[in-house]
Amino acid sequence: MPDTMTERLPLVRLLDGSREAVLEIPYGSAPELTTPEALLALVRERGVLLDAGVDEAVRALVARHESREEGDASDVSISVAQAVEPVPGTDARVDWAERFAPAASAEGAEGVGGGDAATPVDHYNRVKRLKVAAGDVLGILVPPGEGADGRDVCGRNIAAKRGRKLALQPDGTVQVEADGSIRALKDGVLSLARLRIAVVDSLEIDGAVDFSTGNVDFVGSVRVGDGVRDNFTLKATGDVLVRGLVESADLIVGGDCTCERGIAMRGSGHLLIDGALETSIMNAVRGRIRGDLTVDREVVQSELVVGGNFTITRGVLVGGTTVVGGRVKVGAIGTEGGAKTALRVGLLPLEMLRAAKIAALAKELAKQVAPIKAREEEIAQKGDKASAAEKESLTELAFEIAEAERRIRLLEEKRLEILIAAGESRTVRIEADKAIHAGTTLFVGNREVKFTSTLKGPVVIGWDDNRNLQFRVAGGRVQELRDVATVREVAA
């Protein structure tokens, strides 16, 4: 049979590993055991730390016990103390610089407008690639936090969980500095693959440049397993290899470019190559190649400027206009049907363009300085009647005029330097293995050469020391080009 006196003694329960202390007063407990002092002694005896909160809770329980309604035989209890829970340490993280934050790239993947139905989505630019320059700080590596320990109701320590480390794997293209800064060591595009951080300067695209990749704007070299689809842009600062067909797209390459299956832009794409270009065919292409252009089969109805040599290994140049700074070697020019084909040689087109831009800049400077000169002359004509402020401004006006004229002089010197070098480097050599057909027009300097009948090959056209245009057929004797074509001077 249970001891009724024991059952009616107040007691303290320690719950949840001493994270909570509950004081309980059973119904019928002796009055001398339920005073605040007696209950506080009982709590202290159980090892619970006493403080103002414990004191307040005990007195509140005593008040409830003493104010029971008649017939209430229930036990009363209260939580008199609670543990101070530990604060876990924060995990290590990378605080990314705003423009390198992975969220920015992911947001870009949803399209311009962030998914707002009222904003059109630019599907051509859905994939974002984050460009990086050497020295850029990509973000800050924040170490894990230690956290703050807690304590239970008895004052024993509850250890905090320490933050987890971040096992970053930066390769040789980035470094983590002593202050946590993650700094790029080279130009390229930021690559994040789990914990690996790198700046890459080469991009492999297994398929085509299309809606799956978006427009490509890459710092480095690019290899495309298929082609470049209509209306997309492939831009790279390094070399580019495209194994498929380049359609009506924009292709902008800072290095050399190879398009294995050819380029067929249908007159709506653009081509800008700072290095050399090798391809199989070119159809209705508009563009500029700073280096050599080598085509395997044919160039048809294209508008091209080639800074170096131009070679069609086993095909023809048909239609359009081609400007070449170096030598030309093709299978044939034009067609038997007399397709209008223009070929301009004997100048360095890109250097001439540069000289023209310099001349335009010098002209603009001269235009800007004209009113300053007029103002100077106006003040000078006033003589002694000029105000003190006007006389003082003459020095400043003279300086501005002298500085502008110095810049104009330097520009003119540079323009003449380019023109002289271009003139000395000019070359004229056109080789056609099969024929130059009627309908072909050559432009050599300020001379226009029209072929009204077909000149059979193999034929070589060049000029002598006096820059008279000549040709030779199949290793035969050298003849004047005017004997087989119409040659006339045209305005420069």
Protein backbone atom coordinates (compact mmCIF):
# COMPACT_ATOMS: atom_id res chain seq x y z
CA MET A 1 0.00 0.00 0.00
CA PRO A 2 1.55 3.38 -1.01
CA ASP A 3 2.72 5.84 1.61
CA THR A 4 0.18 8.71 1.47
CA MET A 5 2.55 11.15 3.18
CA THR A 6 5.23 10.55 0.51
CA GLU A 7 2.78 11.01 -2.28
CA ARG A 8 1.74 14.40 -0.84
CA LEU A 9 5.25 15.88 -0.59
CA PRO A 10 6.14 18.71 -2.99
CA LEU A 11 8.70 17.63 -5.55
CA VAL A 12 10.97 19.03 -8.28
CA ARG A 13 11.18 17.26 -11.60
CA LEU A 14 14.20 17.81 -13.91
CA LEU A 15 13.05 17.27 -17.48
CA ASP A 16 14.74 16.98 -20.89
CA GLY A 17 18.22 16.40 -19.56
CA SER A 18 17.91 19.15 -16.94
CA ARG A 19 16.78 21.71 -19.52
CA GLU A 20 13.67 22.41 -17.44
CA ALA A 21 12.78 22.27 -13.72
CA VAL A 22 9.12 21.77 -12.78
CA LEU A 23 7.90 22.29 -9.20
CA GLU A 24 4.80 20.33 -8.26
CA ILE A 25 2.59 20.67 -5.14
CA PRO A 26 0.23 17.70 -4.67
CA TYR A 27 -3.20 18.27 -3.17
CA GLY A 28 -3.11 17.88 0.56
CA SER A 29 0.57 18.72 1.06
CA ALA A 30 1.40 19.89 4.56
CA PRO A 31 1.19 23.71 4.86
CA GLU A 32 4.68 23.97 6.38
CA LEU A 33 6.09 22.30 3.24
CA THR A 34 4.41 24.70 0.82
CA THR A 35 5.77 27.99 2.02
CA PRO A 36 7.90 29.93 -0.48
CA GLU A 37 10.96 29.47 1.70
CA ALA A 38 10.47 25.70 2.01
CA LEU A 39 9.86 25.30 -1.72
CA LEU A 40 12.89 27.43 -2.65
CA ALA A 41 15.00 25.24 -0.34
CA LEU A 42 13.61 22.15 -2.10
CA VAL A 43 14.46 23.61 -5.53
CA ARG A 44 17.99 24.47 -4.38
CA GLU A 45 18.40 20.99 -2.91
CA ARG A 46 17.68 19.52 -6.36
CA GLY A 47 20.62 21.51 -7.70
CA VAL A 48 18.65 24.19 -9.56
CA LEU A 49 20.29 27.62 -9.64
CA LEU A 50 18.16 30.16 -7.86
CA ASP A 51 17.54 33.56 -9.32
CA ALA A 52 14.78 36.16 -9.42
CA GLY A 53 12.89 34.20 -12.06
CA VAL A 54 12.86 31.03 -9.94
CA ASP A 55 11.76 33.01 -6.89
CA GLU A 56 8.91 34.62 -8.82
CA ALA A 57 7.74 31.29 -10.26
CA VAL A 58 7.74 29.59 -6.83
CA ARG A 59 5.71 32.39 -5.22
CA ALA A 60 3.23 32.28 -8.13
CA LEU A 61 2.75 28.53 -7.55
CA VAL A 62 2.22 29.05 -3.84
CA ALA A 63 -0.46 31.66 -4.59
CA ARG A 64 -2.26 29.23 -6.91
CA HIS A 65 -2.05 26.44 -4.32
CA GLU A 66 -3.47 28.61 -1.57
CA SER A 67 -6.28 30.00 -3.71
CA ARG A 68 -7.77 26.65 -4.69
CA GLU A 69 -11.52 26.61 -4.87
CA GLU A 70 -13.37 24.40 -2.45
CA GLY A 71 -13.46 20.84 -3.69
CA ASP A 72 -10.44 21.26 -6.03
CA ALA A 73 -8.26 18.20 -5.33
CA SER A 74 -5.92 18.59 -8.27
CA ASP A 75 -2.18 18.96 -8.06
CA VAL A 76 -0.61 22.25 -9.16
CA SER A 77 2.73 22.67 -10.89
CA ILE A 78 4.84 25.30 -12.65
CA SER A 79 8.04 25.49 -14.62
CA VAL A 80 10.40 27.36 -12.34
CA ALA A 81 13.56 27.32 -14.47
CA GLN A 82 14.55 26.79 -18.09
CA ALA A 83 17.92 26.20 -19.67
CA VAL A 84 19.79 28.87 -21.63
CA GLU A 85 20.00 27.14 -24.97
CA PRO A 86 23.31 27.20 -26.86
CA VAL A 87 23.55 29.31 -30.04
CA PRO A 88 24.98 27.17 -32.85
CA GLY A 89 27.86 28.59 -34.85
CA THR A 90 27.18 29.76 -38.39
CA ASP A 91 28.58 27.66 -41.21
CA ALA A 92 31.39 29.07 -43.30
CA ARG A 93 30.16 30.79 -46.45
CA VAL A 94 31.22 32.96 -49.34
CA ASP A 95 29.82 36.47 -49.47
CA TRP A 96 29.97 37.00 -53.21
CA ALA A 97 30.57 40.36 -54.77
CA GLU A 98 27.23 41.47 -56.19
CA ARG A 99 28.06 40.97 -59.86
CA PHE A 100 29.59 37.52 -59.25
CA ALA A 101 26.82 36.15 -57.04
CA PRO A 102 25.57 32.76 -58.34
CA ALA A 103 22.02 34.01 -57.77
CA ALA A 104 22.59 36.70 -60.40
CA SER A 105 23.47 34.05 -62.97
CA ALA A 106 20.52 31.88 -61.95
CA GLU A 107 18.21 34.87 -62.14
CA GLY A 108 19.49 35.57 -65.62
CA ALA A 109 18.61 32.01 -66.59
CA GLU A 110 14.96 32.85 -66.04
CA GLY A 111 15.15 35.56 -68.65
CA VAL A 112 15.17 39.31 -68.56
CA GLY A 113 12.37 40.55 -66.33
CA GLY A 114 12.71 37.84 -63.68
CA GLY A 115 9.65 35.92 -64.81
CA ASP A 116 7.27 38.89 -64.75
CA ALA A 117 4.53 38.02 -67.21
CA ALA A 118 4.31 41.66 -68.28
CA THR A 119 8.01 41.74 -69.27
CA PRO A 120 9.05 39.96 -72.48
CA VAL A 121 11.63 37.23 -71.93
CA ASP A 122 14.83 37.52 -73.96
CA HIS A 123 15.36 33.85 -74.77
CA TYR A 124 18.57 34.64 -76.67
CA ASN A 125 20.24 35.87 -73.45
CA ARG A 126 18.81 33.48 -70.87
CA VAL A 127 22.19 31.93 -69.99
CA LYS A 128 24.50 34.33 -68.17
CA ARG A 129 28.27 33.90 -68.02
CA LEU A 130 30.08 36.01 -65.47
CA LYS A 131 33.15 37.71 -66.95
CA VAL A 132 36.14 38.09 -64.68
CA ALA A 133 39.27 40.24 -64.99
CA ALA A 134 42.57 39.42 -63.31
CA GLY A 135 42.62 41.08 -59.89
CA ASP A 136 38.86 41.09 -59.41
CA VAL A 137 37.71 40.18 -55.89
CA LEU A 138 35.02 37.56 -56.45
CA GLY A 139 33.88 37.45 -52.84
CA ILE A 140 34.93 37.02 -49.21
CA LEU A 141 35.34 33.63 -47.54
CA VAL A 142 33.70 34.00 -44.10
CA PRO A 143 35.06 31.43 -41.59
CA PRO A 144 32.71 29.25 -39.52
CA GLY A 145 31.29 30.78 -36.32
CA GLU A 146 32.14 29.32 -32.89
CA GLY A 147 28.62 29.85 -31.54
CA ALA A 148 27.77 30.45 -27.85
CA ASP A 149 27.51 27.72 -25.20
CA GLY A 150 24.35 27.42 -23.10
CA ARG A 151 23.68 26.06 -19.59
CA ASP A 152 21.04 23.84 -18.03
CA VAL A 153 18.92 24.70 -15.00
CA CYS A 154 21.67 23.39 -12.72
CA GLY A 155 24.31 25.64 -14.29
CA ARG A 156 26.08 22.90 -16.22
CA ASN A 157 27.50 23.83 -19.64
CA ILE A 158 25.66 22.86 -22.82
CA ALA A 159 28.19 22.97 -25.64
CA ALA A 160 27.25 24.87 -28.79
CA LYS A 161 27.51 23.19 -32.16
CA ARG A 162 30.38 24.72 -34.10
CA GLY A 163 29.81 25.94 -37.67
CA ARG A 164 30.91 23.70 -40.50
CA LYS A 165 33.97 24.55 -42.52
CA LEU A 166 33.69 25.17 -46.26
CA ALA A 167 36.16 22.98 -48.10
CA LEU A 168 36.69 25.28 -51.06
CA GLN A 169 38.80 23.98 -53.91
CA PRO A 170 40.25 27.03 -55.67
CA ASP A 171 42.51 26.07 -58.54
CA GLY A 172 45.52 27.99 -59.81
CA THR A 173 43.31 30.65 -61.40
CA VAL A 174 42.05 32.06 -58.07
CA GLN A 175 43.54 32.47 -54.61
CA VAL A 176 42.12 32.94 -51.12
CA GLU A 177 44.03 35.69 -49.33
CA ALA A 178 44.69 36.09 -45.61
CA ASP A 179 41.67 38.34 -45.12
CA GLY A 180 39.41 35.83 -46.88
CA SER A 181 39.27 37.69 -50.20
CA ILE A 182 38.86 35.36 -53.18
CA ARG A 183 40.81 37.01 -55.99
CA ALA A 184 40.97 36.10 -59.68
CA LEU A 185 44.46 35.62 -61.08
CA LYS A 186 43.53 35.72 -64.77
CA ASP A 187 40.91 36.97 -67.20
CA GLY A 188 38.13 34.57 -68.03
CA VAL A 189 34.68 33.43 -66.95
CA LEU A 190 33.76 32.39 -63.41
CA SER A 191 33.14 28.66 -63.04
CA LEU A 192 31.40 27.28 -59.95
CA ALA A 193 31.00 23.53 -59.62
CA ARG A 194 30.00 22.62 -56.07
CA LEU A 195 33.04 23.66 -54.02
CA ARG A 196 35.35 24.21 -56.96
CA ILE A 197 36.01 27.84 -57.88
CA ALA A 198 37.91 28.62 -61.06
CA VAL A 199 38.32 31.22 -63.74
CA VAL A 200 38.20 29.38 -67.03
CA ASP A 201 39.38 30.63 -70.39
CA SER A 202 38.00 27.85 -72.54
CA LEU A 203 34.40 26.78 -73.13
CA GLU A 204 33.20 23.48 -74.58
CA ILE A 205 29.67 23.43 -76.01
CA ASP A 206 28.65 19.90 -76.95
CA GLY A 207 25.76 20.91 -79.19
CA ALA A 208 24.87 24.10 -81.01
CA VAL A 209 24.72 27.72 -79.94
CA ASP A 210 20.94 27.96 -79.70
CA PHE A 211 18.23 28.46 -77.09
CA SER A 212 19.85 25.85 -74.85
CA THR A 213 22.99 27.97 -74.50
CA GLY A 214 21.77 31.45 -75.32
CA ASN A 215 24.12 33.99 -76.84
CA VAL A 216 27.73 33.25 -75.93
CA ASP A 217 29.99 36.11 -74.79
CA PHE A 218 33.14 34.47 -73.48
CA VAL A 219 36.56 35.61 -72.31
CA GLY A 220 38.79 32.94 -73.84
CA SER A 221 38.47 30.21 -76.46
CA VAL A 222 35.28 28.40 -77.48
CA ARG A 223 34.69 25.03 -79.13
CA VAL A 224 31.20 24.32 -80.48
CA GLY A 225 30.30 20.71 -81.27
CA ASP A 226 27.54 21.71 -83.70
CA GLY A 227 26.65 25.01 -85.38
CA VAL A 228 25.51 28.52 -84.55
CA ARG A 229 21.80 28.96 -85.19
CA ASP A 230 19.95 31.90 -86.76
CA ASN A 231 19.94 35.18 -84.80
CA PHE A 232 22.36 34.03 -82.10
CA THR A 233 25.69 35.64 -81.23
CA LEU A 234 28.95 33.87 -80.54
CA LYS A 235 31.57 36.25 -79.17
CA ALA A 236 34.95 35.17 -77.79
CA THR A 237 38.23 36.91 -77.07
CA GLY A 238 40.27 33.83 -77.99
CA ASP A 239 40.15 31.21 -80.75
CA VAL A 240 36.88 29.65 -81.90
CA LEU A 241 36.16 26.27 -83.47
CA VAL A 242 32.66 25.59 -84.83
CA ARG A 243 32.17 22.06 -86.13
CA GLY A 244 28.72 22.71 -87.60
CA LEU A 245 27.24 25.34 -89.89
CA VAL A 246 27.21 29.00 -88.91
CA GLU A 247 23.82 30.33 -89.98
CA SER A 248 22.47 33.92 -89.94
CA ALA A 249 24.32 34.72 -86.74
CA ASP A 250 26.87 37.19 -85.42
CA LEU A 251 30.36 35.73 -85.05
CA ILE A 252 32.87 37.96 -83.25
CA VAL A 253 36.26 36.40 -82.57
CA GLY A 254 39.36 37.92 -81.00
CA GLY A 255 41.68 35.15 -82.20
CA ASP A 256 41.65 32.65 -85.06
CA CYS A 257 38.42 30.99 -86.17
CA THR A 258 37.63 27.68 -87.86
CA CYS A 259 34.14 26.88 -89.17
CA GLU A 260 34.34 23.32 -90.44
CA ARG A 261 30.99 23.11 -92.24
CA GLY A 262 30.96 26.65 -93.51
CA ILE A 263 29.15 29.94 -93.04
CA ALA A 264 25.79 30.66 -94.65
CA MET A 265 24.44 33.93 -93.29
CA ARG A 266 21.99 34.74 -96.07
CA GLY A 267 23.00 38.39 -95.83
CA SER A 268 21.74 39.01 -92.30
CA GLY A 269 24.59 37.95 -90.02
CA HIS A 270 27.92 39.64 -89.35
CA LEU A 271 31.45 38.31 -89.14
CA LEU A 272 34.32 40.04 -87.29
CA ILE A 273 37.52 38.01 -86.96
CA ASP A 274 40.67 39.56 -85.51
CA GLY A 275 42.82 36.59 -86.48
CA ALA A 276 42.66 34.18 -89.42
CA LEU A 277 39.57 32.32 -90.66
CA GLU A 278 39.37 28.84 -92.15
CA THR A 279 36.09 27.46 -93.45
CA SER A 280 34.63 25.24 -96.15
CA ILE A 281 32.17 27.64 -97.80
CA MET A 282 30.91 31.20 -97.42
CA ASN A 283 27.48 32.12 -98.71
CA ALA A 284 26.04 35.66 -98.45
CA VAL A 285 28.42 36.63 -95.66
CA ARG A 286 29.20 40.18 -94.60
CA GLY A 287 32.31 40.62 -92.53
CA ARG A 288 35.88 41.55 -91.84
CA ILE A 289 38.83 39.22 -91.32
CA ARG A 290 41.97 40.91 -90.06
CA GLY A 291 44.26 37.98 -90.88
CA ASP A 292 44.24 35.40 -93.69
CA LEU A 293 41.06 33.88 -95.12
CA THR A 294 41.21 30.29 -96.33
CA VAL A 295 38.10 28.70 -97.87
CA ASP A 296 37.98 25.14 -99.14
CA ARG A 297 35.27 25.31 -101.81
CA GLU A 298 33.51 28.60 -102.62
CA VAL A 299 32.67 32.15 -101.64
CA VAL A 300 29.30 33.25 -103.03
CA GLN A 301 27.63 36.69 -102.98
CA SER A 302 29.58 37.92 -99.98
CA GLU A 303 30.84 41.33 -98.88
CA LEU A 304 34.23 40.77 -97.30
CA VAL A 305 37.27 42.74 -96.18
CA VAL A 306 40.37 40.60 -95.72
CA GLY A 307 43.48 42.12 -94.18
CA GLY A 308 45.80 39.25 -95.12
CA ASN A 309 45.90 36.67 -97.92
CA PHE A 310 42.77 35.20 -99.48
CA THR A 311 42.75 31.58 -100.64
CA ILE A 312 40.01 29.36 -102.06
CA THR A 313 41.70 25.99 -102.15
CA ARG A 314 39.60 24.22 -104.77
CA GLY A 315 36.67 26.45 -105.60
CA VAL A 316 35.43 29.76 -106.94
CA LEU A 317 34.72 33.37 -105.97
CA VAL A 318 31.28 34.27 -107.24
CA GLY A 319 29.46 37.59 -106.91
CA GLY A 320 29.70 40.19 -104.18
CA THR A 321 32.68 42.40 -103.38
CA THR A 322 35.89 41.20 -101.77
CA VAL A 323 38.62 43.57 -100.61
CA VAL A 324 41.98 41.90 -99.98
CA GLY A 325 45.14 43.36 -98.48
CA GLY A 326 47.39 40.43 -99.41
CA ARG A 327 47.62 37.83 -102.16
CA VAL A 328 44.67 36.10 -103.82
CA LYS A 329 44.69 32.44 -104.92
CA VAL A 330 41.46 30.86 -106.16
CA GLY A 331 40.18 28.19 -108.51
CA ALA A 332 38.17 30.70 -110.56
CA ILE A 333 36.60 34.14 -110.34
CA GLY A 334 33.05 34.63 -111.58
CA THR A 335 30.94 32.18 -113.60
CA GLU A 336 30.42 31.27 -117.22
CA GLY A 337 27.08 33.06 -116.97
CA GLY A 338 28.85 36.34 -116.24
CA ALA A 339 27.99 36.78 -112.54
CA LYS A 340 29.02 40.26 -111.43
CA THR A 341 32.03 39.75 -109.19
CA ALA A 342 34.21 42.53 -107.76
CA LEU A 343 37.68 42.04 -106.30
CA ARG A 344 39.71 44.93 -104.87
CA VAL A 345 43.44 44.47 -104.26
CA GLY A 346 46.60 46.54 -104.06
CA LEU A 347 45.86 48.26 -100.76
CA LEU A 348 45.75 47.42 -97.06
CA PRO A 349 42.05 47.96 -96.29
CA LEU A 350 42.23 47.88 -92.51
CA GLU A 351 45.19 50.25 -92.40
CA MET A 352 43.43 52.58 -94.84
CA LEU A 353 40.35 52.50 -92.63
CA ARG A 354 42.47 53.36 -89.61
CA ALA A 355 44.05 56.26 -91.50
CA ALA A 356 40.60 57.51 -92.50
CA LYS A 357 39.43 57.43 -88.87
CA ILE A 358 42.49 59.41 -87.80
CA ALA A 359 41.82 61.97 -90.53
CA ALA A 360 38.21 62.30 -89.37
CA LEU A 361 39.37 62.80 -85.77
CA ALA A 362 41.85 65.50 -86.85
CA LYS A 363 39.11 67.23 -88.83
CA GLU A 364 36.82 67.21 -85.81
CA LEU A 365 39.56 68.73 -83.64
CA ALA A 366 40.17 71.45 -86.21
CA LYS A 367 36.44 72.17 -86.21
CA GLN A 368 36.43 72.48 -82.42
CA VAL A 369 39.42 74.85 -82.32
CA ALA A 370 38.05 77.21 -84.99
CA PRO A 371 35.75 79.18 -82.63
CA ILE A 372 38.57 79.42 -80.08
CA LYS A 373 40.82 80.99 -82.72
CA ALA A 374 38.01 83.35 -83.70
CA ARG A 375 37.59 84.43 -80.08
CA GLU A 376 41.35 85.01 -79.74
CA GLU A 377 41.38 87.16 -82.88
CA GLU A 378 38.34 89.12 -81.70
CA ILE A 379 40.03 90.05 -78.40
CA ALA A 380 43.33 90.85 -80.13
CA GLN A 381 41.59 93.31 -82.48
CA LYS A 382 40.20 95.25 -79.53
CA GLY A 383 43.72 96.17 -78.49
CA ASP A 384 43.74 98.46 -75.46
CA LYS A 385 39.95 98.48 -75.44
CA ALA A 386 39.86 94.84 -74.34
CA SER A 387 38.83 94.35 -70.72
CA ALA A 388 41.24 93.00 -68.13
CA ALA A 389 39.34 89.70 -68.05
CA GLU A 390 39.54 89.39 -71.85
CA LYS A 391 43.27 90.11 -71.85
CA GLU A 392 43.75 87.53 -69.12
CA SER A 393 41.79 84.95 -71.13
CA LEU A 394 44.18 85.29 -74.09
CA THR A 395 46.77 83.15 -72.32
CA GLU A 396 44.26 80.38 -71.73
CA LEU A 397 42.95 80.60 -75.30
CA ALA A 398 46.48 80.45 -76.70
CA PHE A 399 47.18 77.35 -74.62
CA GLU A 400 44.01 75.60 -75.82
CA ILE A 401 44.83 76.42 -79.44
CA ALA A 402 48.44 75.24 -79.10
CA GLU A 403 47.34 71.97 -77.45
CA ALA A 404 44.72 71.29 -80.12
CA GLU A 405 47.17 72.05 -82.93
CA ARG A 406 49.74 69.76 -81.29
CA ARG A 407 47.24 66.91 -81.24
CA ILE A 408 46.21 67.59 -84.84
CA ARG A 409 49.87 67.55 -85.87
CA LEU A 410 50.49 64.24 -84.09
CA LEU A 411 47.40 62.72 -85.71
CA GLU A 412 48.50 63.86 -89.15
CA GLU A 413 51.99 62.44 -88.58
CA LYS A 414 50.48 59.11 -87.56
CA ARG A 415 48.16 59.10 -90.56
CA LEU A 416 51.06 59.75 -92.94
CA GLU A 417 53.10 57.05 -91.21
CA ILE A 418 50.29 54.54 -91.76
CA LEU A 419 49.80 55.58 -95.40
CA ILE A 420 53.52 55.37 -96.19
CA ALA A 421 53.84 51.95 -94.55
CA ALA A 422 50.72 50.76 -96.36
CA GLY A 423 52.02 52.05 -99.67
CA GLU A 424 55.34 50.27 -99.23
CA SER A 425 53.62 47.03 -98.20
CA ARG A 426 51.07 46.95 -101.02
CA THR A 427 51.10 43.84 -103.10
CA VAL A 428 49.18 42.69 -106.17
CA ARG A 429 49.14 39.00 -106.95
CA ILE A 430 46.03 37.19 -108.16
CA GLU A 431 46.20 33.51 -109.12
CA ALA A 432 43.26 31.76 -110.76
CA ASP A 433 43.83 28.11 -111.61
CA LYS A 434 40.91 27.74 -114.04
CA ALA A 435 39.64 31.10 -115.24
CA ILE A 436 38.70 34.70 -114.64
CA HIS A 437 35.27 34.92 -116.20
CA ALA A 438 33.60 37.76 -118.03
CA GLY A 439 31.65 39.94 -115.61
CA THR A 440 34.58 40.15 -113.21
CA THR A 441 35.85 43.58 -112.16
CA LEU A 442 39.18 44.14 -110.47
CA PHE A 443 40.03 47.32 -108.60
CA VAL A 444 43.74 47.93 -108.16
CA GLY A 445 44.40 51.23 -106.43
CA ASN A 446 42.62 53.81 -108.55
CA ARG A 447 42.39 51.54 -111.59
CA GLU A 448 39.36 49.58 -112.66
CA VAL A 449 39.84 46.42 -114.72
CA LYS A 450 36.78 44.92 -116.42
CA PHE A 451 36.80 41.51 -118.05
CA THR A 452 34.37 41.32 -120.96
CA SER A 453 35.62 37.89 -122.02
CA THR A 454 36.90 34.92 -120.07
CA LEU A 455 40.64 34.66 -119.41
CA LYS A 456 41.53 30.98 -119.17
CA GLY A 457 43.87 29.77 -116.48
CA PRO A 458 46.06 29.03 -114.86
CA VAL A 459 46.64 32.78 -114.84
CA VAL A 460 48.62 35.10 -112.59
CA ILE A 461 48.02 38.85 -112.42
CA GLY A 462 50.50 41.25 -110.82
CA TRP A 463 52.32 44.51 -111.43
CA ASP A 464 55.87 45.39 -112.40
CA ASP A 465 58.24 47.80 -110.68
CA ASN A 466 56.36 50.70 -112.25
CA ARG A 467 53.07 49.21 -111.09
CA ASN A 468 51.86 48.46 -114.58
CA LEU A 469 49.29 45.66 -114.45
CA GLN A 470 50.42 42.48 -116.21
CA PHE A 471 49.41 38.83 -116.47
CA ARG A 472 50.90 35.50 -117.39
CA VAL A 473 49.03 32.38 -118.52
CA ALA A 474 50.34 28.88 -117.73
CA GLY A 475 53.92 30.01 -117.27
CA GLY A 476 53.97 31.75 -120.63
CA ARG A 477 55.25 35.21 -121.39
CA VAL A 478 54.26 38.27 -119.41
CA GLN A 479 51.63 40.44 -121.13
CA GLU A 480 49.95 43.73 -120.39
CA LEU A 481 46.57 43.26 -118.71
CA ARG A 482 45.03 45.95 -120.92
CA ASP A 483 45.47 43.54 -123.86
CA VAL A 484 42.70 41.26 -122.53
CA ALA A 485 40.62 43.57 -120.33
CA THR A 486 39.42 47.15 -120.14
CA VAL A 487 41.65 49.20 -117.81
CA ARG A 488 40.77 52.73 -116.81
CA GLU A 489 41.58 55.25 -114.10
CA VAL A 490 38.81 55.98 -111.59
CA ALA A 491 38.50 58.57 -108.87
CA ALA A 492 40.35 57.64 -105.69
